[in-house]
Amino acid sequence: MDTPVETRSVVVGFLAGALVTALLLWVVGVGTVVDALARARPRRLLLVAAAAACWLVAWALSLRTVLRVLGRDVSVPRAVAVYASTAFANNVTPFGQAGGEPFSAYLISRETDVEYGTGFAAISSVDALHFVPSLTLGVAGFGYLAATATLGDRLTLVAAAVAVLAVGLPVLVYLAWTNRDRVERGVARAVTPVAHLIARLVPRISAPDADAVEARVAEFFVAIDRVAADRRGLLLAVGFSALGWLALAASLWSSLYALGYTIPFVVALVAIPVGDLAAVVPIPGGLGGLEALLVLVVSTLAPVPAGVVAAAALVHRVATYLFPMVLGGAAAAVIAD
């Protein structure tokens, strides 16, 4: 049987991510990275694992809150399993959340017995809500560093990345919301091939046509309105999201701490949302690109060798990328069965 084009794209994406990672290690020095990893203190690595677990649970609670607003209550363990499965979907498809959301919506609808459109609205709402604390923490952290540190020209690249977060993303969201009809048609054209792929992988699922997908996207905007109208639920979901971002920053900070380096926590707060910009690269989970951005930001804002930062980035990604991949992959297999 010939390999489907979509499957080949995922394989090529992972190979590209491995190549980018290998290039990063070559630039910073493979020996330096290996030496830094060899000095890792096992007890301190437990802090990384704890931070990663807190992140996964916090964002699962954010998804649970949104599902509750949309009329479906799920237990915390089920919410964690569902969110882990969506993290798996996002991390194996190119373009991160944008590529994984259709499959994530299917997993949510299967596990929570909601309509596919509601599941799509739930995961899309959560991903959109993540931008709020990401922007707030990133911009606030950068402002603090700019006001208290004397880094001069070294701030230029980081400032450009923060500007993309602070200005570019809100503008895109605004344009998408004010042009909902065009977005509905565009999403329908983009999602329909993915839906057909899911139908091939899961024979029990019938693939909708473009008109049906467009109708579901319209339902998605209605559901988004429902989430936005529930202020208590909205604030709670954003609060859990912010807790998750803090946990991700703690994971990066703990990774460096485990290797014997201590940086200001605010540096990690800036690095994490900037690193998330790698999601726009057509590589599953931003593999390689995210690590490179973390190295750039941390080594720019803190006196830590690039090789050590690269080693810490690998530790951080094992906890926040590989672990959710394994856990989420198992959960997705059970849910889709």
Protein backbone atom coordinates (compact mmCIF):
# COMPACT_ATOMS: atom_id res chain seq x y z
CA MET A 1 0.00 0.00 0.00
CA ASP A 2 1.30 3.40 -0.89
CA THR A 3 1.96 5.73 1.99
CA PRO A 4 -0.70 8.51 2.08
CA VAL A 5 0.56 11.98 1.24
CA GLU A 6 -0.46 13.21 4.70
CA THR A 7 1.49 10.44 6.42
CA ARG A 8 4.54 11.22 4.32
CA SER A 9 4.24 14.88 5.32
CA VAL A 10 4.35 13.91 9.00
CA VAL A 11 7.37 11.67 8.44
CA VAL A 12 9.13 14.39 6.45
CA GLY A 13 8.24 16.86 9.20
CA PHE A 14 9.87 14.72 11.88
CA LEU A 15 12.94 14.19 9.71
CA ALA A 16 13.17 17.97 9.19
CA GLY A 17 12.82 18.49 12.95
CA ALA A 18 15.59 15.99 13.62
CA LEU A 19 17.77 17.76 11.06
CA VAL A 20 17.13 21.18 12.65
CA THR A 21 17.91 19.74 16.09
CA ALA A 22 21.10 18.15 14.81
CA LEU A 23 22.12 21.46 13.21
CA LEU A 24 21.46 23.29 16.50
CA LEU A 25 23.61 20.80 18.42
CA TRP A 26 26.38 21.15 15.84
CA VAL A 27 26.32 24.96 16.10
CA VAL A 28 26.44 25.07 19.90
CA GLY A 29 28.80 22.10 20.17
CA VAL A 30 27.71 18.50 20.66
CA GLY A 31 30.44 17.93 23.23
CA THR A 32 29.29 20.90 25.30
CA VAL A 33 25.73 19.62 25.31
CA VAL A 34 26.78 16.10 26.29
CA ASP A 35 29.01 17.40 29.09
CA ALA A 36 26.19 19.58 30.42
CA LEU A 37 23.75 16.65 30.39
CA ALA A 38 26.30 14.48 32.18
CA ARG A 39 26.33 16.98 35.06
CA ALA A 40 22.55 16.82 35.54
CA ARG A 41 21.50 16.15 39.11
CA PRO A 42 18.78 13.48 39.27
CA ARG A 43 16.95 14.97 42.26
CA ARG A 44 16.69 18.33 40.55
CA LEU A 45 15.34 16.63 37.43
CA LEU A 46 12.32 15.68 39.54
CA LEU A 47 11.47 19.39 39.64
CA VAL A 48 11.31 19.38 35.84
CA ALA A 49 8.96 16.40 35.87
CA ALA A 50 6.76 18.02 38.53
CA ALA A 51 6.55 21.28 36.58
CA ALA A 52 5.64 19.43 33.38
CA ALA A 53 2.92 17.49 35.21
CA CYS A 54 1.51 20.74 36.63
CA TRP A 55 1.44 22.22 33.11
CA LEU A 56 -0.43 19.25 31.66
CA VAL A 57 -3.00 19.21 34.46
CA ALA A 58 -3.48 23.00 34.37
CA TRP A 59 -4.20 23.08 30.63
CA ALA A 60 -6.41 20.01 30.97
CA LEU A 61 -8.42 21.92 33.58
CA SER A 62 -8.67 24.84 31.15
CA LEU A 63 -10.16 22.48 28.55
CA ARG A 64 -12.48 20.99 31.20
CA THR A 65 -13.71 24.48 32.10
CA VAL A 66 -14.48 25.31 28.47
CA LEU A 67 -16.29 22.00 27.98
CA ARG A 68 -18.37 22.76 31.07
CA VAL A 69 -19.33 26.15 29.62
CA LEU A 70 -20.39 24.35 26.43
CA GLY A 71 -22.62 22.02 28.44
CA ARG A 72 -20.44 18.92 28.99
CA ASP A 73 -18.98 18.13 32.40
CA VAL A 74 -16.08 15.66 32.58
CA SER A 75 -13.98 14.41 35.48
CA VAL A 76 -10.47 15.69 36.06
CA PRO A 77 -8.78 12.35 35.12
CA ARG A 78 -10.76 12.19 31.87
CA ALA A 79 -9.93 15.82 31.14
CA VAL A 80 -6.22 15.06 31.60
CA ALA A 81 -6.46 12.01 29.32
CA VAL A 82 -8.35 13.99 26.67
CA TYR A 83 -5.96 16.94 26.79
CA ALA A 84 -2.94 14.61 26.64
CA SER A 85 -4.43 13.06 23.51
CA THR A 86 -4.90 16.50 21.95
CA ALA A 87 -1.29 17.36 22.84
CA PHE A 88 -0.27 14.19 20.99
CA ALA A 89 -2.31 15.27 17.96
CA ASN A 90 -0.73 18.73 17.98
CA ASN A 91 2.78 17.32 18.36
CA VAL A 92 2.62 14.84 15.49
CA THR A 93 1.11 17.13 12.86
CA PRO A 94 2.83 20.02 11.08
CA PHE A 95 1.92 23.59 12.15
CA GLY A 96 1.21 22.51 15.75
CA GLN A 97 -2.31 23.36 16.96
CA ALA A 98 -3.49 24.43 13.51
CA GLY A 99 -2.64 21.02 12.08
CA GLY A 100 -3.77 18.95 15.06
CA GLU A 101 -7.06 20.62 15.98
CA PRO A 102 -9.30 18.64 13.56
CA PHE A 103 -8.05 15.34 14.99
CA SER A 104 -8.13 16.79 18.53
CA ALA A 105 -11.78 17.73 18.00
CA TYR A 106 -12.53 14.17 16.92
CA LEU A 107 -10.86 12.78 20.06
CA ILE A 108 -12.77 15.18 22.29
CA SER A 109 -16.09 14.33 20.64
CA ARG A 110 -15.38 10.59 21.00
CA GLU A 111 -14.44 10.73 24.68
CA THR A 112 -16.94 13.31 25.92
CA ASP A 113 -19.92 12.49 23.69
CA VAL A 114 -20.25 15.99 22.28
CA GLU A 115 -20.79 17.02 18.67
CA TYR A 116 -17.69 17.33 16.55
CA GLY A 117 -18.32 21.07 16.12
CA THR A 118 -18.49 21.50 19.89
CA GLY A 119 -15.26 19.57 20.32
CA PHE A 120 -13.62 21.72 17.67
CA ALA A 121 -14.88 24.86 19.42
CA ALA A 122 -13.61 23.61 22.78
CA ILE A 123 -10.04 22.89 21.70
CA SER A 124 -9.88 26.00 19.51
CA SER A 125 -11.17 28.14 22.37
CA VAL A 126 -8.56 26.75 24.72
CA ASP A 127 -5.77 27.33 22.20
CA ALA A 128 -7.01 30.89 21.63
CA LEU A 129 -7.28 31.58 25.36
CA HIS A 130 -3.66 30.48 25.80
CA PHE A 131 -2.58 33.59 23.89
CA VAL A 132 -3.90 35.91 26.62
CA PRO A 133 -1.60 34.87 29.50
CA SER A 134 1.18 34.14 27.00
CA LEU A 135 1.12 37.74 25.78
CA THR A 136 0.68 39.15 29.27
CA LEU A 137 3.51 37.19 30.86
CA GLY A 138 5.85 37.59 27.89
CA VAL A 139 5.36 41.32 27.49
CA ALA A 140 5.46 41.96 31.26
CA GLY A 141 8.63 39.90 31.60
CA PHE A 142 10.32 41.65 28.72
CA GLY A 143 9.30 45.04 30.09
CA TYR A 144 10.82 44.15 33.44
CA LEU A 145 14.08 43.03 31.83
CA ALA A 146 14.23 46.11 29.61
CA ALA A 147 13.76 48.36 32.64
CA THR A 148 16.19 46.62 34.97
CA ALA A 149 18.89 45.08 32.76
CA THR A 150 21.58 46.67 30.64
CA LEU A 151 21.63 44.32 27.69
CA GLY A 152 21.82 46.93 24.93
CA ASP A 153 21.66 45.66 21.38
CA ARG A 154 21.24 42.07 22.53
CA LEU A 155 17.59 42.81 23.23
CA THR A 156 16.83 43.61 19.59
CA LEU A 157 15.97 40.09 18.41
CA VAL A 158 14.03 39.26 21.55
CA ALA A 159 12.16 42.56 21.29
CA ALA A 160 11.17 41.70 17.71
CA ALA A 161 9.81 38.32 18.80
CA VAL A 162 7.88 39.87 21.68
CA ALA A 163 6.49 42.48 19.29
CA VAL A 164 5.15 39.68 17.08
CA LEU A 165 3.42 38.22 20.12
CA ALA A 166 2.08 41.53 21.41
CA VAL A 167 0.91 43.01 18.11
CA GLY A 168 0.83 40.43 15.34
CA LEU A 169 -1.25 37.73 17.02
CA PRO A 170 -4.03 40.02 18.33
CA VAL A 171 -4.29 41.60 14.89
CA LEU A 172 -4.66 38.17 13.26
CA VAL A 173 -7.33 37.18 15.78
CA TYR A 174 -9.22 40.43 15.17
CA LEU A 175 -9.08 40.01 11.39
CA ALA A 176 -10.26 36.40 11.65
CA TRP A 177 -13.19 37.39 13.86
CA THR A 178 -14.30 40.29 11.67
CA ASN A 179 -14.07 38.14 8.53
CA ARG A 180 -15.82 35.07 9.89
CA ASP A 181 -17.55 34.18 6.61
CA ARG A 182 -14.26 34.02 4.72
CA VAL A 183 -12.65 32.10 7.58
CA GLU A 184 -15.49 29.57 7.51
CA ARG A 185 -14.96 28.93 3.81
CA GLY A 186 -11.17 28.82 4.14
CA VAL A 187 -11.25 26.45 7.09
CA ALA A 188 -13.69 24.22 5.25
CA ARG A 189 -11.26 23.91 2.33
CA ALA A 190 -8.35 23.21 4.68
CA VAL A 191 -10.08 20.84 7.08
CA THR A 192 -11.95 18.66 4.58
CA PRO A 193 -8.79 16.78 3.40
CA VAL A 194 -7.83 16.20 7.07
CA ALA A 195 -11.32 14.86 7.77
CA HIS A 196 -10.96 12.45 4.85
CA LEU A 197 -7.60 11.30 6.26
CA ILE A 198 -9.24 10.60 9.63
CA ALA A 199 -11.98 8.66 7.83
CA ARG A 200 -9.34 6.48 6.13
CA LEU A 201 -7.56 5.86 9.44
CA VAL A 202 -10.79 5.27 11.38
CA PRO A 203 -13.25 3.44 9.07
CA ARG A 204 -16.19 4.02 11.43
CA ILE A 205 -15.98 7.75 10.78
CA SER A 206 -17.66 9.14 7.67
CA ALA A 207 -15.84 12.10 6.11
CA PRO A 208 -17.98 15.25 5.80
CA ASP A 209 -17.98 17.30 2.62
CA ALA A 210 -16.88 20.95 2.46
CA ASP A 211 -20.43 22.28 3.06
CA ALA A 212 -20.82 20.17 6.19
CA VAL A 213 -17.44 21.33 7.48
CA GLU A 214 -18.39 24.96 6.82
CA ALA A 215 -21.61 24.46 8.80
CA ARG A 216 -19.61 23.03 11.68
CA VAL A 217 -17.22 25.98 11.59
CA ALA A 218 -20.26 28.27 11.85
CA GLU A 219 -21.31 26.27 14.92
CA PHE A 220 -17.80 26.81 16.23
CA PHE A 221 -18.21 30.59 16.14
CA VAL A 222 -21.53 30.25 17.98
CA ALA A 223 -19.82 28.14 20.63
CA ILE A 224 -17.02 30.71 20.90
CA ASP A 225 -19.67 33.33 21.61
CA ARG A 226 -21.02 31.11 24.40
CA VAL A 227 -17.58 30.78 25.97
CA ALA A 228 -16.93 34.51 25.72
CA ALA A 229 -20.33 35.29 27.31
CA ASP A 230 -19.61 33.21 30.41
CA ARG A 231 -17.26 35.57 32.25
CA ARG A 232 -16.70 33.32 35.24
CA GLY A 233 -15.87 30.32 33.08
CA LEU A 234 -13.72 32.48 30.81
CA LEU A 235 -11.68 33.88 33.71
CA LEU A 236 -11.28 30.43 35.22
CA ALA A 237 -10.09 28.95 31.91
CA VAL A 238 -7.61 31.82 31.43
CA GLY A 239 -6.43 31.37 35.01
CA PHE A 240 -5.68 27.68 34.44
CA SER A 241 -3.94 28.63 31.20
CA ALA A 242 -1.76 31.18 33.02
CA LEU A 243 -0.88 28.54 35.61
CA GLY A 244 0.18 26.25 32.77
CA TRP A 245 2.43 28.92 31.27
CA LEU A 246 4.04 29.49 34.67
CA ALA A 247 4.59 25.73 34.96
CA LEU A 248 6.23 25.64 31.52
CA ALA A 249 8.55 28.47 32.58
CA ALA A 250 9.27 26.55 35.79
CA SER A 251 10.13 23.48 33.71
CA LEU A 252 12.68 25.44 31.68
CA TRP A 253 14.08 27.14 34.79
CA SER A 254 14.33 23.76 36.58
CA SER A 255 16.07 22.22 33.56
CA LEU A 256 18.84 24.80 33.84
CA TYR A 257 18.89 24.43 37.63
CA ALA A 258 19.34 20.67 37.23
CA LEU A 259 22.44 21.37 35.12
CA GLY A 260 23.90 23.68 37.79
CA TYR A 261 22.80 27.09 36.45
CA THR A 262 20.35 29.55 37.96
CA ILE A 263 18.72 32.25 35.87
CA PRO A 264 16.13 34.90 36.80
CA PHE A 265 12.71 33.30 36.51
CA VAL A 266 11.55 36.24 34.41
CA VAL A 267 13.96 35.12 31.66
CA ALA A 268 12.13 31.82 31.44
CA LEU A 269 8.81 33.69 31.37
CA VAL A 270 9.97 35.55 28.26
CA ALA A 271 11.62 32.56 26.60
CA ILE A 272 8.65 30.19 26.78
CA PRO A 273 6.09 32.26 24.77
CA VAL A 274 8.77 33.37 22.30
CA GLY A 275 9.79 29.74 21.81
CA ASP A 276 6.15 28.91 21.07
CA LEU A 277 6.48 30.96 17.86
CA ALA A 278 8.15 27.85 16.42
CA ALA A 279 4.65 26.41 16.06
CA VAL A 280 4.27 28.40 12.83
CA VAL A 281 7.03 26.30 11.26
CA PRO A 282 5.70 23.22 9.38
CA ILE A 283 7.52 20.82 11.72
CA PRO A 284 5.60 18.62 14.20
CA GLY A 285 5.59 20.29 17.61
CA GLY A 286 8.10 22.90 16.44
CA LEU A 287 10.77 20.23 16.87
CA GLY A 288 14.21 21.81 16.60
CA GLY A 289 12.89 25.31 15.98
CA LEU A 290 11.50 25.72 19.50
CA GLU A 291 14.78 24.56 21.04
CA ALA A 292 16.71 27.00 18.86
CA LEU A 293 14.51 29.92 19.96
CA LEU A 294 14.96 28.95 23.61
CA VAL A 295 18.72 28.92 23.14
CA LEU A 296 18.61 32.31 21.42
CA VAL A 297 16.47 33.99 24.08
CA VAL A 298 18.02 32.49 27.22
CA SER A 299 21.63 32.89 26.11
CA THR A 300 20.82 36.49 25.11
CA LEU A 301 19.16 37.43 28.38
CA ALA A 302 21.25 35.42 30.85
CA PRO A 303 24.99 34.65 31.21
CA VAL A 304 24.64 30.97 30.33
CA PRO A 305 26.66 29.23 27.57
CA ALA A 306 24.58 28.34 24.51
CA GLY A 307 25.57 24.68 24.79
CA VAL A 308 24.24 24.49 28.34
CA VAL A 309 20.99 26.20 27.30
CA ALA A 310 20.64 23.68 24.47
CA ALA A 311 21.09 20.83 26.94
CA ALA A 312 18.48 22.38 29.25
CA ALA A 313 16.13 22.84 26.30
CA LEU A 314 16.42 19.12 25.52
CA VAL A 315 15.64 18.23 29.14
CA HIS A 316 12.69 20.62 29.11
CA ARG A 317 11.38 19.15 25.86
CA VAL A 318 11.65 15.57 27.08
CA ALA A 319 9.32 16.56 29.92
CA THR A 320 6.92 18.75 27.93
CA TYR A 321 7.05 17.17 24.45
CA LEU A 322 8.15 13.53 24.63
CA PHE A 323 6.26 12.62 27.82
CA PRO A 324 2.92 14.07 26.59
CA MET A 325 3.55 12.34 23.24
CA VAL A 326 3.80 8.93 24.93
CA LEU A 327 0.96 9.51 27.38
CA GLY A 328 -1.22 11.24 24.78
CA GLY A 329 -0.52 8.63 22.14
CA ALA A 330 -1.70 5.88 24.50
CA ALA A 331 -4.78 7.92 25.43
CA ALA A 332 -5.57 8.67 21.76
CA ALA A 333 -5.31 4.97 20.88
CA VAL A 334 -7.77 4.06 23.63
CA ILE A 335 -10.19 6.86 22.75
CA ALA A 336 -10.16 6.15 19.01
CA ASP A 337 -10.53 2.38 19.52
